[in-house]
Amino acid sequence: MAIFDYETIKDKGQEIIEKINAEYKAITISTIGGVENVSIILHLSIDKKETWQNGIFHNSRYYILHIDKNGIIENFSCSHMVKKLRKKTVKTLQEALDYINNKIRS
């Protein structure tokens, strides 16, 4: 069962960003494969942008996460300085955001 679709997610990027507790947050709504395959890609850093070595995102304590419309959260890239998130399936978008917040701050 889908936790969001293109129509419900396309204008909620800022709302999602505001709910995540990270120093740096960026969101992309991806429609690769068509709007029926919409997903969210999050770039998160625990560190402030000013502290990144050489100003490079990948030199911070970062996560790049993918949330697909069926509620599967996948951590497909992260810094060696953070604990990798396990793949998880959630039932709501709010549950996904709560899971991410709990894991990136622990």
PDB file of N, CA and C in Angstrom:
ATOM      1  N   MET A   1       0.835  -1.188   0.000  1.00  0.00           N
ATOM      2  CA  MET A   1       0.000   0.000   0.000  1.00  0.00           C
ATOM      3  C   MET A   1       0.876   1.248   0.000  1.00  0.00           C
ATOM      4  N   ALA A   2       0.573   2.195  -0.834  1.00  0.00           N
ATOM      5  CA  ALA A   2       1.375   3.409  -0.981  1.00  0.00           C
ATOM      6  C   ALA A   2       1.134   4.367   0.186  1.00  0.00           C
ATOM      7  N   ILE A   3       2.232   4.968   0.691  1.00  0.00           N
ATOM      8  CA  ILE A   3       2.110   5.958   1.768  1.00  0.00           C
ATOM      9  C   ILE A   3       2.000   7.372   1.203  1.00  0.00           C
ATOM     10  N   PHE A   4       2.314   7.532  -0.074  1.00  0.00           N
ATOM     11  CA  PHE A   4       2.103   8.804  -0.764  1.00  0.00           C
ATOM     12  C   PHE A   4       2.070   8.544  -2.257  1.00  0.00           C
ATOM     13  N   ASP A   5       1.565   9.503  -2.990  1.00  0.00           N
ATOM     14  CA  ASP A   5       1.607   9.451  -4.452  1.00  0.00           C
ATOM     15  C   ASP A   5       2.072  10.819  -4.942  1.00  0.00           C
ATOM     16  N   TYR A   6       2.217  10.956  -6.228  1.00  0.00           N
ATOM     17  CA  TYR A   6       2.757  12.195  -6.784  1.00  0.00           C
ATOM     18  C   TYR A   6       1.917  13.404  -6.408  1.00  0.00           C
ATOM     19  N   GLU A   7       0.608  13.272  -6.470  1.00  0.00           N
ATOM     20  CA  GLU A   7      -0.277  14.403  -6.172  1.00  0.00           C
ATOM     21  C   GLU A   7      -0.178  14.849  -4.720  1.00  0.00           C
ATOM     22  N   THR A   8      -0.015  13.910  -3.790  1.00  0.00           N
ATOM     23  CA  THR A   8       0.045  14.284  -2.370  1.00  0.00           C
ATOM     24  C   THR A   8       1.425  14.753  -1.932  1.00  0.00           C
ATOM     25  N   ILE A   9       2.468  14.397  -2.661  1.00  0.00           N
ATOM     26  CA  ILE A   9       3.829  14.702  -2.207  1.00  0.00           C
ATOM     27  C   ILE A   9       4.467  15.880  -2.929  1.00  0.00           C
ATOM     28  N   LYS A  10       4.021  16.219  -4.113  1.00  0.00           N
ATOM     29  CA  LYS A  10       4.728  17.195  -4.948  1.00  0.00           C
ATOM     30  C   LYS A  10       4.886  18.569  -4.303  1.00  0.00           C
ATOM     31  N   ASP A  11       3.965  18.983  -3.439  1.00  0.00           N
ATOM     32  CA  ASP A  11       4.050  20.296  -2.812  1.00  0.00           C
ATOM     33  C   ASP A  11       4.434  20.235  -1.336  1.00  0.00           C
ATOM     34  N   LYS A  12       4.829  19.071  -0.827  1.00  0.00           N
ATOM     35  CA  LYS A  12       5.117  18.922   0.597  1.00  0.00           C
ATOM     36  C   LYS A  12       6.601  18.878   0.930  1.00  0.00           C
ATOM     37  N   GLY A  13       7.459  19.211  -0.018  1.00  0.00           N
ATOM     38  CA  GLY A  13       8.896  19.145   0.216  1.00  0.00           C
ATOM     39  C   GLY A  13       9.342  19.979   1.397  1.00  0.00           C
ATOM     40  N   GLN A  14       8.891  21.229   1.484  1.00  0.00           N
ATOM     41  CA  GLN A  14       9.295  22.111   2.584  1.00  0.00           C
ATOM     42  C   GLN A  14       8.764  21.600   3.921  1.00  0.00           C
ATOM     43  N   GLU A  15       7.563  21.083   3.921  1.00  0.00           N
ATOM     44  CA  GLU A  15       6.972  20.533   5.150  1.00  0.00           C
ATOM     45  C   GLU A  15       7.779  19.343   5.659  1.00  0.00           C
ATOM     46  N   ILE A  16       8.219  18.492   4.750  1.00  0.00           N
ATOM     47  CA  ILE A  16       9.041  17.341   5.127  1.00  0.00           C
ATOM     48  C   ILE A  16      10.381  17.808   5.689  1.00  0.00           C
ATOM     49  N   ILE A  17      11.008  18.764   5.025  1.00  0.00           N
ATOM     50  CA  ILE A  17      12.291  19.306   5.472  1.00  0.00           C
ATOM     51  C   ILE A  17      12.181  19.859   6.887  1.00  0.00           C
ATOM     52  N   GLU A  18      11.105  20.574   7.185  1.00  0.00           N
ATOM     53  CA  GLU A  18      10.928  21.178   8.502  1.00  0.00           C
ATOM     54  C   GLU A  18      10.791  20.135   9.605  1.00  0.00           C
ATOM     55  N   LYS A  19      10.327  18.941   9.280  1.00  0.00           N
ATOM     56  CA  LYS A  19      10.114  17.901  10.282  1.00  0.00           C
ATOM     57  C   LYS A  19      11.364  17.073  10.573  1.00  0.00           C
ATOM     58  N   ILE A  20      12.425  17.245   9.798  1.00  0.00           N
ATOM     59  CA  ILE A  20      13.645  16.460   9.995  1.00  0.00           C
ATOM     60  C   ILE A  20      14.634  17.250  10.847  1.00  0.00           C
ATOM     61  N   ASN A  21      15.200  16.584  11.839  1.00  0.00           N
ATOM     62  CA  ASN A  21      16.128  17.219  12.778  1.00  0.00           C
ATOM     63  C   ASN A  21      17.576  16.978  12.368  1.00  0.00           C
ATOM     64  N   ALA A  22      18.006  17.684  11.345  1.00  0.00           N
ATOM     65  CA  ALA A  22      19.396  17.613  10.893  1.00  0.00           C
ATOM     66  C   ALA A  22      19.856  19.043  10.629  1.00  0.00           C
ATOM     67  N   GLU A  23      21.172  19.264  10.633  1.00  0.00           N
ATOM     68  CA  GLU A  23      21.702  20.607  10.389  1.00  0.00           C
ATOM     69  C   GLU A  23      21.548  21.026   8.934  1.00  0.00           C
ATOM     70  N   TYR A  24      21.736  20.088   8.023  1.00  0.00           N
ATOM     71  CA  TYR A  24      21.582  20.369   6.595  1.00  0.00           C
ATOM     72  C   TYR A  24      20.584  19.377   6.032  1.00  0.00           C
ATOM     73  N   LYS A  25      19.626  19.870   5.258  1.00  0.00           N
ATOM     74  CA  LYS A  25      18.579  19.017   4.696  1.00  0.00           C
ATOM     75  C   LYS A  25      18.283  19.456   3.270  1.00  0.00           C
ATOM     76  N   ALA A  26      18.199  18.502   2.371  1.00  0.00           N
ATOM     77  CA  ALA A  26      17.788  18.777   0.998  1.00  0.00           C
ATOM     78  C   ALA A  26      16.897  17.626   0.543  1.00  0.00           C
ATOM     79  N   ILE A  27      15.885  17.957  -0.221  1.00  0.00           N
ATOM     80  CA  ILE A  27      14.935  16.941  -0.676  1.00  0.00           C
ATOM     81  C   ILE A  27      14.779  17.026  -2.184  1.00  0.00           C
ATOM     82  N   THR A  28      14.627  15.865  -2.798  1.00  0.00           N
ATOM     83  CA  THR A  28      14.311  15.774  -4.220  1.00  0.00           C
ATOM     84  C   THR A  28      13.134  14.829  -4.363  1.00  0.00           C
ATOM     85  N   ILE A  29      12.134  15.257  -5.099  1.00  0.00           N
ATOM     86  CA  ILE A  29      11.016  14.378  -5.431  1.00  0.00           C
ATOM     87  C   ILE A  29      11.357  13.771  -6.789  1.00  0.00           C
ATOM     88  N   SER A  30      11.538  12.470  -6.818  1.00  0.00           N
ATOM     89  CA  SER A  30      11.971  11.782  -8.032  1.00  0.00           C
ATOM     90  C   SER A  30      10.791  11.099  -8.710  1.00  0.00           C
ATOM     91  N   THR A  31      10.716  11.269 -10.021  1.00  0.00           N
ATOM     92  CA  THR A  31       9.678  10.584 -10.805  1.00  0.00           C
ATOM     93  C   THR A  31      10.312   9.744 -11.912  1.00  0.00           C
ATOM     94  N   ILE A  32      11.493   9.221 -11.631  1.00  0.00           N
ATOM     95  CA  ILE A  32      12.127   8.339 -12.608  1.00  0.00           C
ATOM     96  C   ILE A  32      11.228   7.120 -12.795  1.00  0.00           C
ATOM     97  N   GLY A  33      10.899   6.812 -14.014  1.00  0.00           N
ATOM     98  CA  GLY A  33       9.986   5.713 -14.300  1.00  0.00           C
ATOM     99  C   GLY A  33       8.537   6.167 -14.347  1.00  0.00           C
ATOM    100  N   GLY A  34       8.316   7.473 -14.257  1.00  0.00           N
ATOM    101  CA  GLY A  34       6.958   8.013 -14.320  1.00  0.00           C
ATOM    102  C   GLY A  34       6.421   8.387 -12.952  1.00  0.00           C
ATOM    103  N   VAL A  35       5.368   9.181 -12.930  1.00  0.00           N
ATOM    104  CA  VAL A  35       4.802   9.645 -11.665  1.00  0.00           C
ATOM    105  C   VAL A  35       4.224   8.507 -10.828  1.00  0.00           C
ATOM    106  N   GLU A  36       3.927   7.387 -11.464  1.00  0.00           N
ATOM    107  CA  GLU A  36       3.425   6.241 -10.693  1.00  0.00           C
ATOM    108  C   GLU A  36       4.528   5.610  -9.836  1.00  0.00           C
ATOM    109  N   ASN A  37       5.786   5.969 -10.088  1.00  0.00           N
ATOM    110  CA  ASN A  37       6.917   5.460  -9.304  1.00  0.00           C
ATOM    111  C   ASN A  37       7.593   6.575  -8.507  1.00  0.00           C
ATOM    112  N   VAL A  38       6.841   7.540  -8.048  1.00  0.00           N
ATOM    113  CA  VAL A  38       7.392   8.684  -7.307  1.00  0.00           C
ATOM    114  C   VAL A  38       8.101   8.208  -6.037  1.00  0.00           C
ATOM    115  N   SER A  39       9.194   8.893  -5.712  1.00  0.00           N
ATOM    116  CA  SER A  39       9.916   8.600  -4.480  1.00  0.00           C
ATOM    117  C   SER A  39      10.581   9.874  -3.977  1.00  0.00           C
ATOM    118  N   ILE A  40      11.085   9.817  -2.754  1.00  0.00           N
ATOM    119  CA  ILE A  40      11.747  10.950  -2.117  1.00  0.00           C
ATOM    120  C   ILE A  40      13.207  10.592  -1.905  1.00  0.00           C
ATOM    121  N   ILE A  41      14.094  11.513  -2.232  1.00  0.00           N
ATOM    122  CA  ILE A  41      15.515  11.341  -1.949  1.00  0.00           C
ATOM    123  C   ILE A  41      15.915  12.470  -0.999  1.00  0.00           C
ATOM    124  N   LEU A  42      16.476  12.097   0.153  1.00  0.00           N
ATOM    125  CA  LEU A  42      16.886  13.067   1.162  1.00  0.00           C
ATOM    126  C   LEU A  42      18.398  13.081   1.296  1.00  0.00           C
ATOM    127  N   HIS A  43      18.976  14.275   1.311  1.00  0.00           N
ATOM    128  CA  HIS A  43      20.384  14.472   1.624  1.00  0.00           C
ATOM    129  C   HIS A  43      20.411  15.151   2.990  1.00  0.00           C
ATOM    130  N   LEU A  44      20.969  14.484   3.986  1.00  0.00           N
ATOM    131  CA  LEU A  44      20.991  15.002   5.353  1.00  0.00           C
ATOM    132  C   LEU A  44      22.410  15.013   5.879  1.00  0.00           C
ATOM    133  N   SER A  45      22.747  16.062   6.612  1.00  0.00           N
ATOM    134  CA  SER A  45      24.042  16.112   7.288  1.00  0.00           C
ATOM    135  C   SER A  45      23.813  16.492   8.738  1.00  0.00           C
ATOM    136  N   ILE A  46      24.497  15.815   9.626  1.00  0.00           N
ATOM    137  CA  ILE A  46      24.428  16.118  11.055  1.00  0.00           C
ATOM    138  C   ILE A  46      25.244  17.371  11.359  1.00  0.00           C
ATOM    139  N   ASP A  47      26.210  17.681  10.511  1.00  0.00           N
ATOM    140  CA  ASP A  47      27.104  18.824  10.714  1.00  0.00           C
ATOM    141  C   ASP A  47      26.583  20.071   9.999  1.00  0.00           C
ATOM    142  N   LYS A  48      26.903  21.223  10.564  1.00  0.00           N
ATOM    143  CA  LYS A  48      26.572  22.482   9.902  1.00  0.00           C
ATOM    144  C   LYS A  48      27.413  22.617   8.644  1.00  0.00           C
ATOM    145  N   LYS A  49      26.845  23.254   7.640  1.00  0.00           N
ATOM    146  CA  LYS A  49      27.526  23.390   6.353  1.00  0.00           C
ATOM    147  C   LYS A  49      28.878  24.093   6.490  1.00  0.00           C
ATOM    148  N   GLU A  50      28.998  25.033   7.403  1.00  0.00           N
ATOM    149  CA  GLU A  50      30.245  25.777   7.597  1.00  0.00           C
ATOM    150  C   GLU A  50      31.392  24.901   8.104  1.00  0.00           C
ATOM    151  N   THR A  51      31.068  23.756   8.701  1.00  0.00           N
ATOM    152  CA  THR A  51      32.101  22.886   9.274  1.00  0.00           C
ATOM    153  C   THR A  51      32.578  21.796   8.317  1.00  0.00           C
ATOM    154  N   TRP A  52      31.948  21.685   7.148  1.00  0.00           N
ATOM    155  CA  TRP A  52      32.347  20.650   6.194  1.00  0.00           C
ATOM    156  C   TRP A  52      33.744  20.951   5.671  1.00  0.00           C
ATOM    157  N   GLN A  53      34.611  19.969   5.716  1.00  0.00           N
ATOM    158  CA  GLN A  53      35.964  20.146   5.195  1.00  0.00           C
ATOM    159  C   GLN A  53      35.890  20.486   3.710  1.00  0.00           C
ATOM    160  N   ASN A  54      36.540  21.581   3.329  1.00  0.00           N
ATOM    161  CA  ASN A  54      36.544  22.089   1.950  1.00  0.00           C
ATOM    162  C   ASN A  54      35.144  22.389   1.421  1.00  0.00           C
ATOM    163  N   GLY A  55      34.153  22.522   2.324  1.00  0.00           N
ATOM    164  CA  GLY A  55      32.789  22.837   1.914  1.00  0.00           C
ATOM    165  C   GLY A  55      32.102  21.729   1.142  1.00  0.00           C
ATOM    166  N   ILE A  56      32.553  20.498   1.323  1.00  0.00           N
ATOM    167  CA  ILE A  56      32.040  19.363   0.550  1.00  0.00           C
ATOM    168  C   ILE A  56      31.113  18.509   1.413  1.00  0.00           C
ATOM    169  N   PHE A  57      29.871  18.323   0.945  1.00  0.00           N
ATOM    170  CA  PHE A  57      28.853  17.538   1.659  1.00  0.00           C
ATOM    171  C   PHE A  57      29.381  16.175   2.079  1.00  0.00           C
ATOM    172  N   HIS A  58      30.068  15.477   1.191  1.00  0.00           N
ATOM    173  CA  HIS A  58      30.548  14.122   1.472  1.00  0.00           C
ATOM    174  C   HIS A  58      31.686  14.087   2.491  1.00  0.00           C
ATOM    175  N   ASN A  59      32.192  15.239   2.912  1.00  0.00           N
ATOM    176  CA  ASN A  59      33.190  15.295   3.981  1.00  0.00           C
ATOM    177  C   ASN A  59      32.540  15.522   5.341  1.00  0.00           C
ATOM    178  N   SER A  60      31.220  15.539   5.394  1.00  0.00           N
ATOM    179  CA  SER A  60      30.505  15.703   6.658  1.00  0.00           C
ATOM    180  C   SER A  60      29.970  14.348   7.116  1.00  0.00           C
ATOM    181  N   ARG A  61      29.309  14.366   8.258  1.00  0.00           N
ATOM    182  CA  ARG A  61      28.612  13.162   8.719  1.00  0.00           C
ATOM    183  C   ARG A  61      27.231  13.196   8.052  1.00  0.00           C
ATOM    184  N   TYR A  62      27.103  12.483   6.943  1.00  0.00           N
ATOM    185  CA  TYR A  62      25.923  12.599   6.088  1.00  0.00           C
ATOM    186  C   TYR A  62      25.206  11.279   5.869  1.00  0.00           C
ATOM    187  N   TYR A  63      23.962  11.419   5.414  1.00  0.00           N
ATOM    188  CA  TYR A  63      23.142  10.302   4.952  1.00  0.00           C
ATOM    189  C   TYR A  63      22.495  10.709   3.632  1.00  0.00           C
ATOM    190  N   ILE A  64      22.356   9.772   2.728  1.00  0.00           N
ATOM    191  CA  ILE A  64      21.505   9.948   1.556  1.00  0.00           C
ATOM    192  C   ILE A  64      20.495   8.809   1.620  1.00  0.00           C
ATOM    193  N   LEU A  65      19.234   9.195   1.759  1.00  0.00           N
ATOM    194  CA  LEU A  65      18.166   8.220   1.987  1.00  0.00           C
ATOM    195  C   LEU A  65      17.157   8.260   0.853  1.00  0.00           C
ATOM    196  N   HIS A  66      16.563   7.120   0.588  1.00  0.00           N
ATOM    197  CA  HIS A  66      15.534   6.984  -0.433  1.00  0.00           C
ATOM    198  C   HIS A  66      14.279   6.446   0.251  1.00  0.00           C
ATOM    199  N   ILE A  67      13.153   7.119   0.039  1.00  0.00           N
ATOM    200  CA  ILE A  67      11.867   6.639   0.544  1.00  0.00           C
ATOM    201  C   ILE A  67      10.974   6.419  -0.664  1.00  0.00           C
ATOM    202  N   ASP A  68      10.572   5.188  -0.883  1.00  0.00           N
ATOM    203  CA  ASP A  68       9.702   4.964  -2.039  1.00  0.00           C
ATOM    204  C   ASP A  68       8.239   5.048  -1.623  1.00  0.00           C
ATOM    205  N   LYS A  69       7.370   5.097  -2.588  1.00  0.00           N
ATOM    206  CA  LYS A  69       5.948   5.314  -2.313  1.00  0.00           C
ATOM    207  C   LYS A  69       5.318   4.192  -1.500  1.00  0.00           C
ATOM    208  N   ASN A  70       5.950   3.031  -1.468  1.00  0.00           N
ATOM    209  CA  ASN A  70       5.434   1.900  -0.705  1.00  0.00           C
ATOM    210  C   ASN A  70       5.948   1.870   0.732  1.00  0.00           C
ATOM    211  N   GLY A  71       6.692   2.909   1.122  1.00  0.00           N
ATOM    212  CA  GLY A  71       7.136   3.022   2.513  1.00  0.00           C
ATOM    213  C   GLY A  71       8.460   2.372   2.818  1.00  0.00           C
ATOM    214  N   ILE A  72       9.241   2.035   1.819  1.00  0.00           N
ATOM    215  CA  ILE A  72      10.548   1.422   2.060  1.00  0.00           C
ATOM    216  C   ILE A  72      11.591   2.529   2.156  1.00  0.00           C
ATOM    217  N   ILE A  73      12.258   2.596   3.304  1.00  0.00           N
ATOM    218  CA  ILE A  73      13.333   3.567   3.531  1.00  0.00           C
ATOM    219  C   ILE A  73      14.644   2.822   3.337  1.00  0.00           C
ATOM    220  N   GLU A  74      15.486   3.370   2.500  1.00  0.00           N
ATOM    221  CA  GLU A  74      16.769   2.724   2.237  1.00  0.00           C
ATOM    222  C   GLU A  74      17.892   3.759   2.323  1.00  0.00           C
ATOM    223  N   ASN A  75      18.928   3.414   3.064  1.00  0.00           N
ATOM    224  CA  ASN A  75      20.113   4.252   3.221  1.00  0.00           C
ATOM    225  C   ASN A  75      21.119   3.775   2.183  1.00  0.00           C
ATOM    226  N   PHE A  76      21.201   4.473   1.044  1.00  0.00           N
ATOM    227  CA  PHE A  76      22.096   3.973   0.010  1.00  0.00           C
ATOM    228  C   PHE A  76      23.454   4.636   0.004  1.00  0.00           C
ATOM    229  N   SER A  77      23.662   5.634   0.869  1.00  0.00           N
ATOM    230  CA  SER A  77      24.986   6.217   1.014  1.00  0.00           C
ATOM    231  C   SER A  77      25.050   6.937   2.352  1.00  0.00           C
ATOM    232  N   CYS A  78      26.186   6.811   3.024  1.00  0.00           N
ATOM    233  CA  CYS A  78      26.390   7.544   4.268  1.00  0.00           C
ATOM    234  C   CYS A  78      27.883   7.644   4.557  1.00  0.00           C
ATOM    235  N   SER A  79      28.199   8.554   5.439  1.00  0.00           N
ATOM    236  CA  SER A  79      29.577   8.768   5.848  1.00  0.00           C
ATOM    237  C   SER A  79      30.071   7.572   6.660  1.00  0.00           C
ATOM    238  N   HIS A  80      31.371   7.366   6.633  1.00  0.00           N
ATOM    239  CA  HIS A  80      31.939   6.305   7.475  1.00  0.00           C
ATOM    240  C   HIS A  80      31.892   6.691   8.952  1.00  0.00           C
ATOM    241  N   MET A  81      31.566   7.948   9.250  1.00  0.00           N
ATOM    242  CA  MET A  81      31.541   8.445  10.625  1.00  0.00           C
ATOM    243  C   MET A  81      30.177   8.287  11.294  1.00  0.00           C
ATOM    244  N   VAL A  82      29.197   7.720  10.593  1.00  0.00           N
ATOM    245  CA  VAL A  82      27.863   7.531  11.157  1.00  0.00           C
ATOM    246  C   VAL A  82      27.461   6.063  11.044  1.00  0.00           C
ATOM    247  N   LYS A  83      26.475   5.702  11.838  1.00  0.00           N
ATOM    248  CA  LYS A  83      25.963   4.341  11.787  1.00  0.00           C
ATOM    249  C   LYS A  83      24.961   4.226  10.646  1.00  0.00           C
ATOM    250  N   LYS A  84      25.150   3.251   9.786  1.00  0.00           N
ATOM    251  CA  LYS A  84      24.265   3.039   8.636  1.00  0.00           C
ATOM    252  C   LYS A  84      22.876   2.647   9.118  1.00  0.00           C
ATOM    253  N   LEU A  85      21.864   3.203   8.479  1.00  0.00           N
ATOM    254  CA  LEU A  85      20.484   2.850   8.792  1.00  0.00           C
ATOM    255  C   LEU A  85      20.116   1.563   8.068  1.00  0.00           C
ATOM    256  N   ARG A  86      19.383   0.717   8.753  1.00  0.00           N
ATOM    257  CA  ARG A  86      18.912  -0.507   8.131  1.00  0.00           C
ATOM    258  C   ARG A  86      17.698  -0.213   7.251  1.00  0.00           C
ATOM    259  N   LYS A  87      17.512  -1.029   6.239  1.00  0.00           N
ATOM    260  CA  LYS A  87      16.346  -0.898   5.371  1.00  0.00           C
ATOM    261  C   LYS A  87      15.104  -1.163   6.214  1.00  0.00           C
ATOM    262  N   LYS A  88      14.088  -0.333   6.058  1.00  0.00           N
ATOM    263  CA  LYS A  88      12.886  -0.459   6.884  1.00  0.00           C
ATOM    264  C   LYS A  88      11.660  -0.125   6.058  1.00  0.00           C
ATOM    265  N   THR A  89      10.571  -0.796   6.365  1.00  0.00           N
ATOM    266  CA  THR A  89       9.285  -0.499   5.749  1.00  0.00           C
ATOM    267  C   THR A  89       8.384   0.147   6.789  1.00  0.00           C
ATOM    268  N   VAL A  90       7.764   1.266   6.420  1.00  0.00           N
ATOM    269  CA  VAL A  90       6.872   1.991   7.318  1.00  0.00           C
ATOM    270  C   VAL A  90       5.486   2.087   6.684  1.00  0.00           C
ATOM    271  N   LYS A  91       4.493   2.455   7.517  1.00  0.00           N
ATOM    272  CA  LYS A  91       3.117   2.513   7.039  1.00  0.00           C
ATOM    273  C   LYS A  91       2.632   3.921   6.737  1.00  0.00           C
ATOM    274  N   THR A  92       3.349   4.947   7.250  1.00  0.00           N
ATOM    275  CA  THR A  92       2.972   6.338   6.978  1.00  0.00           C
ATOM    276  C   THR A  92       4.233   7.165   6.755  1.00  0.00           C
ATOM    277  N   LEU A  93       4.066   8.308   6.115  1.00  0.00           N
ATOM    278  CA  LEU A  93       5.190   9.213   5.907  1.00  0.00           C
ATOM    279  C   LEU A  93       5.684   9.758   7.239  1.00  0.00           C
ATOM    280  N   GLN A  94       4.775  10.047   8.169  1.00  0.00           N
ATOM    281  CA  GLN A  94       5.181  10.539   9.487  1.00  0.00           C
ATOM    282  C   GLN A  94       6.017   9.492  10.222  1.00  0.00           C
ATOM    283  N   GLU A  95       5.658   8.235  10.110  1.00  0.00           N
ATOM    284  CA  GLU A  95       6.439   7.155  10.720  1.00  0.00           C
ATOM    285  C   GLU A  95       7.843   7.103  10.113  1.00  0.00           C
ATOM    286  N   ALA A  96       7.939   7.345   8.823  1.00  0.00           N
ATOM    287  CA  ALA A  96       9.245   7.379   8.156  1.00  0.00           C
ATOM    288  C   ALA A  96      10.101   8.509   8.712  1.00  0.00           C
ATOM    289  N   LEU A  97       9.521   9.694   8.842  1.00  0.00           N
ATOM    290  CA  LEU A  97      10.264  10.847   9.357  1.00  0.00           C
ATOM    291  C   LEU A  97      10.670  10.639  10.813  1.00  0.00           C
ATOM    292  N   ASP A  98       9.796  10.042  11.613  1.00  0.00           N
ATOM    293  CA  ASP A  98      10.124   9.740  13.014  1.00  0.00           C
ATOM    294  C   ASP A  98      11.289   8.755  13.096  1.00  0.00           C
ATOM    295  N   TYR A  99      11.261   7.719  12.255  1.00  0.00           N
ATOM    296  CA  TYR A  99      12.341   6.731  12.224  1.00  0.00           C
ATOM    297  C   TYR A  99      13.670   7.391  11.863  1.00  0.00           C
ATOM    298  N   ILE A 100      13.652   8.234  10.829  1.00  0.00           N
ATOM    299  CA  ILE A 100      14.883   8.914  10.413  1.00  0.00           C
ATOM    300  C   ILE A 100      15.408   9.806  11.515  1.00  0.00           C
ATOM    301  N   ASN A 101      14.537  10.592  12.133  1.00  0.00           N
ATOM    302  CA  ASN A 101      14.968  11.478  13.221  1.00  0.00           C
ATOM    303  C   ASN A 101      15.577  10.703  14.384  1.00  0.00           C
ATOM    304  N   ASN A 102      14.950   9.603  14.757  1.00  0.00           N
ATOM    305  CA  ASN A 102      15.478   8.795  15.870  1.00  0.00           C
ATOM    306  C   ASN A 102      16.844   8.208  15.546  1.00  0.00           C
ATOM    307  N   LYS A 103      17.034   7.750  14.330  1.00  0.00           N
ATOM    308  CA  LYS A 103      18.289   7.089  13.963  1.00  0.00           C
ATOM    309  C   LYS A 103      19.435   8.054  13.730  1.00  0.00           C
ATOM    310  N   ILE A 104      19.194   9.200  13.125  1.00  0.00           N
ATOM    311  CA  ILE A 104      20.309  10.097  12.844  1.00  0.00           C
ATOM    312  C   ILE A 104      20.807  10.807  14.089  1.00  0.00           C
ATOM    313  N   ARG A 105      20.011  10.853  15.121  1.00  0.00           N
ATOM    314  CA  ARG A 105      20.438  11.506  16.366  1.00  0.00           C
ATOM    315  C   ARG A 105      20.956  10.521  17.409  1.00  0.00           C
ATOM    316  N   SER A 106      20.970   9.231  17.091  1.00  0.00           N
ATOM    317  CA  SER A 106      21.465   8.252  18.081  1.00  0.00           C
ATOM    318  C   SER A 106      22.880   7.836  17.804  1.00  0.00           C
TER     319      SER A 106
END
